[in-house]
Amino acid sequence: MTQTIQTEITLQPETADLYIKANKEIEQRLGKSPGAEFLMALVVEKEDPAELADFYCDLVITEVQP
């Protein structure tokens, strides 16, 4: 059984800005975003929105290729 738990978090302005920039970059490259939960999990590991977008896009492209 799937259970959804909603939670509210407060982000530092720098972290929120990184998320927003990376999200926009990924949407421009791939047409849609991976979703807030997944992307926010990556944000804590990266410091540059372009690096985060590159990392995610590389993951997606690698999985799609035969």
PDB file of N, CA and C in Angstrom:
ATOM      1  N   MET A   1       0.840  -1.163   0.000  1.00  0.00           N
ATOM      2  CA  MET A   1       0.000   0.000   0.000  1.00  0.00           C
ATOM      3  C   MET A   1       0.898   1.243   0.000  1.00  0.00           C
ATOM      4  N   THR A   2       0.581   2.195  -0.864  1.00  0.00           N
ATOM      5  CA  THR A   2       1.341   3.430  -0.956  1.00  0.00           C
ATOM      6  C   THR A   2       0.763   4.457  -0.003  1.00  0.00           C
ATOM      7  N   GLN A   3       1.641   5.118   0.709  1.00  0.00           N
ATOM      8  CA  GLN A   3       1.201   6.140   1.648  1.00  0.00           C
ATOM      9  C   GLN A   3       1.905   7.442   1.303  1.00  0.00           C
ATOM     10  N   THR A   4       1.158   8.505   1.210  1.00  0.00           N
ATOM     11  CA  THR A   4       1.721   9.819   0.924  1.00  0.00           C
ATOM     12  C   THR A   4       1.789  10.624   2.206  1.00  0.00           C
ATOM     13  N   ILE A   5       2.957  11.174   2.441  1.00  0.00           N
ATOM     14  CA  ILE A   5       3.146  12.009   3.621  1.00  0.00           C
ATOM     15  C   ILE A   5       3.542  13.394   3.131  1.00  0.00           C
ATOM     16  N   GLN A   6       2.739  14.367   3.438  1.00  0.00           N
ATOM     17  CA  GLN A   6       3.063  15.734   3.058  1.00  0.00           C
ATOM     18  C   GLN A   6       3.787  16.411   4.212  1.00  0.00           C
ATOM     19  N   THR A   7       4.794  17.159   3.833  1.00  0.00           N
ATOM     20  CA  THR A   7       5.558  17.874   4.846  1.00  0.00           C
ATOM     21  C   THR A   7       5.943  19.239   4.306  1.00  0.00           C
ATOM     22  N   GLU A   8       6.188  20.129   5.164  1.00  0.00           N
ATOM     23  CA  GLU A   8       6.614  21.467   4.769  1.00  0.00           C
ATOM     24  C   GLU A   8       8.008  21.693   5.328  1.00  0.00           C
ATOM     25  N   ILE A   9       8.887  22.183   4.463  1.00  0.00           N
ATOM     26  CA  ILE A   9      10.241  22.455   4.910  1.00  0.00           C
ATOM     27  C   ILE A   9      10.592  23.904   4.603  1.00  0.00           C
ATOM     28  N   THR A  10      11.530  24.415   5.324  1.00  0.00           N
ATOM     29  CA  THR A  10      12.036  25.760   5.080  1.00  0.00           C
ATOM     30  C   THR A  10      13.444  25.623   4.515  1.00  0.00           C
ATOM     31  N   LEU A  11      13.690  26.307   3.404  1.00  0.00           N
ATOM     32  CA  LEU A  11      14.990  26.232   2.750  1.00  0.00           C
ATOM     33  C   LEU A  11      15.739  27.544   2.900  1.00  0.00           C
ATOM     34  N   GLN A  12      17.034  27.432   2.953  1.00  0.00           N
ATOM     35  CA  GLN A  12      17.856  28.623   2.889  1.00  0.00           C
ATOM     36  C   GLN A  12      17.647  29.245   1.514  1.00  0.00           C
ATOM     37  N   PRO A  13      17.660  30.563   1.394  1.00  0.00           N
ATOM     38  CA  PRO A  13      17.436  31.213   0.096  1.00  0.00           C
ATOM     39  C   PRO A  13      18.379  30.705  -1.000  1.00  0.00           C
ATOM     40  N   GLU A  14      19.627  30.419  -0.649  1.00  0.00           N
ATOM     41  CA  GLU A  14      20.578  29.928  -1.644  1.00  0.00           C
ATOM     42  C   GLU A  14      20.168  28.556  -2.172  1.00  0.00           C
ATOM     43  N   THR A  15      19.675  27.695  -1.300  1.00  0.00           N
ATOM     44  CA  THR A  15      19.238  26.364  -1.701  1.00  0.00           C
ATOM     45  C   THR A  15      17.998  26.447  -2.578  1.00  0.00           C
ATOM     46  N   ALA A  16      17.057  27.287  -2.201  1.00  0.00           N
ATOM     47  CA  ALA A  16      15.849  27.457  -3.003  1.00  0.00           C
ATOM     48  C   ALA A  16      16.192  28.012  -4.375  1.00  0.00           C
ATOM     49  N   ASP A  17      17.110  28.956  -4.442  1.00  0.00           N
ATOM     50  CA  ASP A  17      17.524  29.540  -5.713  1.00  0.00           C
ATOM     51  C   ASP A  17      18.191  28.485  -6.598  1.00  0.00           C
ATOM     52  N   LEU A  18      19.038  27.652  -6.007  1.00  0.00           N
ATOM     53  CA  LEU A  18      19.686  26.570  -6.741  1.00  0.00           C
ATOM     54  C   LEU A  18      18.648  25.622  -7.320  1.00  0.00           C
ATOM     55  N   TYR A  19      17.678  25.242  -6.511  1.00  0.00           N
ATOM     56  CA  TYR A  19      16.607  24.353  -6.969  1.00  0.00           C
ATOM     57  C   TYR A  19      15.847  24.969  -8.135  1.00  0.00           C
ATOM     58  N   ILE A  20      15.456  26.217  -8.017  1.00  0.00           N
ATOM     59  CA  ILE A  20      14.666  26.884  -9.061  1.00  0.00           C
ATOM     60  C   ILE A  20      15.454  26.973 -10.371  1.00  0.00           C
ATOM     61  N   LYS A  21      16.718  27.367 -10.289  1.00  0.00           N
ATOM     62  CA  LYS A  21      17.540  27.472 -11.503  1.00  0.00           C
ATOM     63  C   LYS A  21      17.762  26.113 -12.154  1.00  0.00           C
ATOM     64  N   ALA A  22      18.061  25.111 -11.359  1.00  0.00           N
ATOM     65  CA  ALA A  22      18.275  23.766 -11.907  1.00  0.00           C
ATOM     66  C   ALA A  22      16.992  23.217 -12.509  1.00  0.00           C
ATOM     67  N   ASN A  23      15.868  23.440 -11.841  1.00  0.00           N
ATOM     68  CA  ASN A  23      14.578  22.969 -12.338  1.00  0.00           C
ATOM     69  C   ASN A  23      14.277  23.580 -13.709  1.00  0.00           C
ATOM     70  N   LYS A  24      14.494  24.885 -13.858  1.00  0.00           N
ATOM     71  CA  LYS A  24      14.260  25.557 -15.137  1.00  0.00           C
ATOM     72  C   LYS A  24      15.176  25.020 -16.228  1.00  0.00           C
ATOM     73  N   GLU A  25      16.439  24.793 -15.881  1.00  0.00           N
ATOM     74  CA  GLU A  25      17.412  24.265 -16.845  1.00  0.00           C
ATOM     75  C   GLU A  25      16.994  22.876 -17.332  1.00  0.00           C
ATOM     76  N   ILE A  26      16.581  22.026 -16.415  1.00  0.00           N
ATOM     77  CA  ILE A  26      16.158  20.669 -16.784  1.00  0.00           C
ATOM     78  C   ILE A  26      14.897  20.715 -17.635  1.00  0.00           C
ATOM     79  N   GLU A  27      13.945  21.559 -17.284  1.00  0.00           N
ATOM     80  CA  GLU A  27      12.725  21.693 -18.085  1.00  0.00           C
ATOM     81  C   GLU A  27      13.052  22.158 -19.501  1.00  0.00           C
ATOM     82  N   GLN A  28      14.012  23.069 -19.653  1.00  0.00           N
ATOM     83  CA  GLN A  28      14.401  23.533 -20.988  1.00  0.00           C
ATOM     84  C   GLN A  28      15.048  22.409 -21.788  1.00  0.00           C
ATOM     85  N   ARG A  29      15.860  21.601 -21.144  1.00  0.00           N
ATOM     86  CA  ARG A  29      16.572  20.534 -21.851  1.00  0.00           C
ATOM     87  C   ARG A  29      15.692  19.333 -22.169  1.00  0.00           C
ATOM     88  N   LEU A  30      14.872  18.924 -21.197  1.00  0.00           N
ATOM     89  CA  LEU A  30      14.135  17.675 -21.340  1.00  0.00           C
ATOM     90  C   LEU A  30      12.627  17.838 -21.505  1.00  0.00           C
ATOM     91  N   GLY A  31      12.130  19.039 -21.306  1.00  0.00           N
ATOM     92  CA  GLY A  31      10.693  19.264 -21.465  1.00  0.00           C
ATOM     93  C   GLY A  31       9.888  19.121 -20.196  1.00  0.00           C
ATOM     94  N   LYS A  32      10.474  18.556 -19.145  1.00  0.00           N
ATOM     95  CA  LYS A  32       9.802  18.472 -17.853  1.00  0.00           C
ATOM     96  C   LYS A  32      10.810  18.217 -16.752  1.00  0.00           C
ATOM     97  N   SER A  33      10.379  18.454 -15.541  1.00  0.00           N
ATOM     98  CA  SER A  33      11.236  18.333 -14.364  1.00  0.00           C
ATOM     99  C   SER A  33      11.061  16.952 -13.727  1.00  0.00           C
ATOM    100  N   PRO A  34      12.085  16.480 -12.995  1.00  0.00           N
ATOM    101  CA  PRO A  34      11.971  15.182 -12.339  1.00  0.00           C
ATOM    102  C   PRO A  34      11.047  15.183 -11.125  1.00  0.00           C
ATOM    103  N   GLY A  35      10.673  16.342 -10.642  1.00  0.00           N
ATOM    104  CA  GLY A  35       9.836  16.418  -9.446  1.00  0.00           C
ATOM    105  C   GLY A  35      10.625  16.972  -8.280  1.00  0.00           C
ATOM    106  N   ALA A  36       9.932  17.646  -7.435  1.00  0.00           N
ATOM    107  CA  ALA A  36      10.578  18.375  -6.337  1.00  0.00           C
ATOM    108  C   ALA A  36      11.377  17.470  -5.407  1.00  0.00           C
ATOM    109  N   GLU A  37      10.826  16.334  -5.023  1.00  0.00           N
ATOM    110  CA  GLU A  37      11.497  15.482  -4.049  1.00  0.00           C
ATOM    111  C   GLU A  37      12.825  14.974  -4.576  1.00  0.00           C
ATOM    112  N   PHE A  38      12.830  14.496  -5.810  1.00  0.00           N
ATOM    113  CA  PHE A  38      14.056  13.965  -6.390  1.00  0.00           C
ATOM    114  C   PHE A  38      15.085  15.067  -6.575  1.00  0.00           C
ATOM    115  N   LEU A  39      14.653  16.170  -7.134  1.00  0.00           N
ATOM    116  CA  LEU A  39      15.579  17.262  -7.401  1.00  0.00           C
ATOM    117  C   LEU A  39      16.139  17.852  -6.108  1.00  0.00           C
ATOM    118  N   MET A  40      15.321  17.988  -5.092  1.00  0.00           N
ATOM    119  CA  MET A  40      15.802  18.531  -3.827  1.00  0.00           C
ATOM    120  C   MET A  40      16.816  17.589  -3.177  1.00  0.00           C
ATOM    121  N   ALA A  41      16.652  16.288  -3.375  1.00  0.00           N
ATOM    122  CA  ALA A  41      17.631  15.345  -2.849  1.00  0.00           C
ATOM    123  C   ALA A  41      18.987  15.568  -3.507  1.00  0.00           C
ATOM    124  N   LEU A  42      18.988  15.921  -4.786  1.00  0.00           N
ATOM    125  CA  LEU A  42      20.241  16.192  -5.484  1.00  0.00           C
ATOM    126  C   LEU A  42      20.824  17.549  -5.103  1.00  0.00           C
ATOM    127  N   VAL A  43      19.978  18.521  -4.817  1.00  0.00           N
ATOM    128  CA  VAL A  43      20.435  19.879  -4.500  1.00  0.00           C
ATOM    129  C   VAL A  43      21.393  19.878  -3.313  1.00  0.00           C
ATOM    130  N   VAL A  44      21.154  19.024  -2.345  1.00  0.00           N
ATOM    131  CA  VAL A  44      22.023  19.024  -1.168  1.00  0.00           C
ATOM    132  C   VAL A  44      23.435  18.545  -1.497  1.00  0.00           C
ATOM    133  N   GLU A  45      23.610  17.911  -2.664  1.00  0.00           N
ATOM    134  CA  GLU A  45      24.921  17.396  -3.046  1.00  0.00           C
ATOM    135  C   GLU A  45      25.664  18.304  -4.022  1.00  0.00           C
ATOM    136  N   LYS A  46      24.993  19.259  -4.623  1.00  0.00           N
ATOM    137  CA  LYS A  46      25.605  20.099  -5.651  1.00  0.00           C
ATOM    138  C   LYS A  46      25.545  21.556  -5.220  1.00  0.00           C
ATOM    139  N   GLU A  47      26.425  22.374  -5.802  1.00  0.00           N
ATOM    140  CA  GLU A  47      26.443  23.787  -5.460  1.00  0.00           C
ATOM    141  C   GLU A  47      26.168  24.688  -6.651  1.00  0.00           C
ATOM    142  N   ASP A  48      26.056  24.123  -7.830  1.00  0.00           N
ATOM    143  CA  ASP A  48      25.896  24.900  -9.054  1.00  0.00           C
ATOM    144  C   ASP A  48      24.682  24.369  -9.818  1.00  0.00           C
ATOM    145  N   PRO A  49      23.718  25.224 -10.178  1.00  0.00           N
ATOM    146  CA  PRO A  49      22.527  24.737 -10.880  1.00  0.00           C
ATOM    147  C   PRO A  49      22.853  24.045 -12.197  1.00  0.00           C
ATOM    148  N   ALA A  50      23.845  24.543 -12.920  1.00  0.00           N
ATOM    149  CA  ALA A  50      24.210  23.913 -14.194  1.00  0.00           C
ATOM    150  C   ALA A  50      24.772  22.515 -13.944  1.00  0.00           C
ATOM    151  N   GLU A  51      25.571  22.383 -12.893  1.00  0.00           N
ATOM    152  CA  GLU A  51      26.127  21.068 -12.539  1.00  0.00           C
ATOM    153  C   GLU A  51      25.010  20.100 -12.170  1.00  0.00           C
ATOM    154  N   LEU A  52      24.050  20.573 -11.412  1.00  0.00           N
ATOM    155  CA  LEU A  52      22.914  19.751 -11.025  1.00  0.00           C
ATOM    156  C   LEU A  52      22.104  19.333 -12.242  1.00  0.00           C
ATOM    157  N   ALA A  53      21.835  20.273 -13.139  1.00  0.00           N
ATOM    158  CA  ALA A  53      21.085  19.963 -14.353  1.00  0.00           C
ATOM    159  C   ALA A  53      21.858  18.977 -15.222  1.00  0.00           C
ATOM    160  N   ASP A  54      23.160  19.191 -15.377  1.00  0.00           N
ATOM    161  CA  ASP A  54      23.992  18.260 -16.153  1.00  0.00           C
ATOM    162  C   ASP A  54      23.945  16.861 -15.557  1.00  0.00           C
ATOM    163  N   PHE A  55      24.080  16.776 -14.252  1.00  0.00           N
ATOM    164  CA  PHE A  55      24.066  15.486 -13.562  1.00  0.00           C
ATOM    165  C   PHE A  55      22.753  14.747 -13.817  1.00  0.00           C
ATOM    166  N   TYR A  56      21.630  15.443 -13.631  1.00  0.00           N
ATOM    167  CA  TYR A  56      20.331  14.803 -13.831  1.00  0.00           C
ATOM    168  C   TYR A  56      20.130  14.405 -15.291  1.00  0.00           C
ATOM    169  N   CYS A  57      20.425  15.306 -16.218  1.00  0.00           N
ATOM    170  CA  CYS A  57      20.238  15.009 -17.639  1.00  0.00           C
ATOM    171  C   CYS A  57      21.118  13.839 -18.071  1.00  0.00           C
ATOM    172  N   ASP A  58      22.336  13.777 -17.571  1.00  0.00           N
ATOM    173  CA  ASP A  58      23.211  12.646 -17.879  1.00  0.00           C
ATOM    174  C   ASP A  58      22.603  11.344 -17.391  1.00  0.00           C
ATOM    175  N   LEU A  59      22.019  11.353 -16.206  1.00  0.00           N
ATOM    176  CA  LEU A  59      21.364  10.156 -15.680  1.00  0.00           C
ATOM    177  C   LEU A  59      20.224   9.708 -16.587  1.00  0.00           C
ATOM    178  N   VAL A  60      19.391  10.661 -16.989  1.00  0.00           N
ATOM    179  CA  VAL A  60      18.231  10.341 -17.819  1.00  0.00           C
ATOM    180  C   VAL A  60      18.678   9.828 -19.194  1.00  0.00           C
ATOM    181  N   ILE A  61      19.619  10.517 -19.804  1.00  0.00           N
ATOM    182  CA  ILE A  61      20.079  10.136 -21.139  1.00  0.00           C
ATOM    183  C   ILE A  61      20.739   8.764 -21.107  1.00  0.00           C
ATOM    184  N   THR A  62      21.525   8.485 -20.094  1.00  0.00           N
ATOM    185  CA  THR A  62      22.188   7.185 -19.963  1.00  0.00           C
ATOM    186  C   THR A  62      21.167   6.066 -19.828  1.00  0.00           C
ATOM    187  N   GLU A  63      20.100   6.292 -19.078  1.00  0.00           N
ATOM    188  CA  GLU A  63      19.064   5.269 -18.882  1.00  0.00           C
ATOM    189  C   GLU A  63      18.228   5.039 -20.131  1.00  0.00           C
ATOM    190  N   VAL A  64      18.072   6.058 -20.960  1.00  0.00           N
ATOM    191  CA  VAL A  64      17.214   5.962 -22.156  1.00  0.00           C
ATOM    192  C   VAL A  64      17.944   5.271 -23.295  1.00  0.00           C
ATOM    193  N   GLN A  65      19.254   5.443 -23.377  1.00  0.00           N
ATOM    194  CA  GLN A  65      20.020   4.870 -24.481  1.00  0.00           C
ATOM    195  C   GLN A  65      20.040   3.353 -24.385  1.00  0.00           C
ATOM    196  N   PRO A  66      19.931   2.677 -25.542  1.00  0.00           N
ATOM    197  CA  PRO A  66      19.957   1.193 -25.534  1.00  0.00           C
ATOM    198  C   PRO A  66      21.318   0.636 -25.202  1.00  0.00           C
TER     199      PRO A  66
END
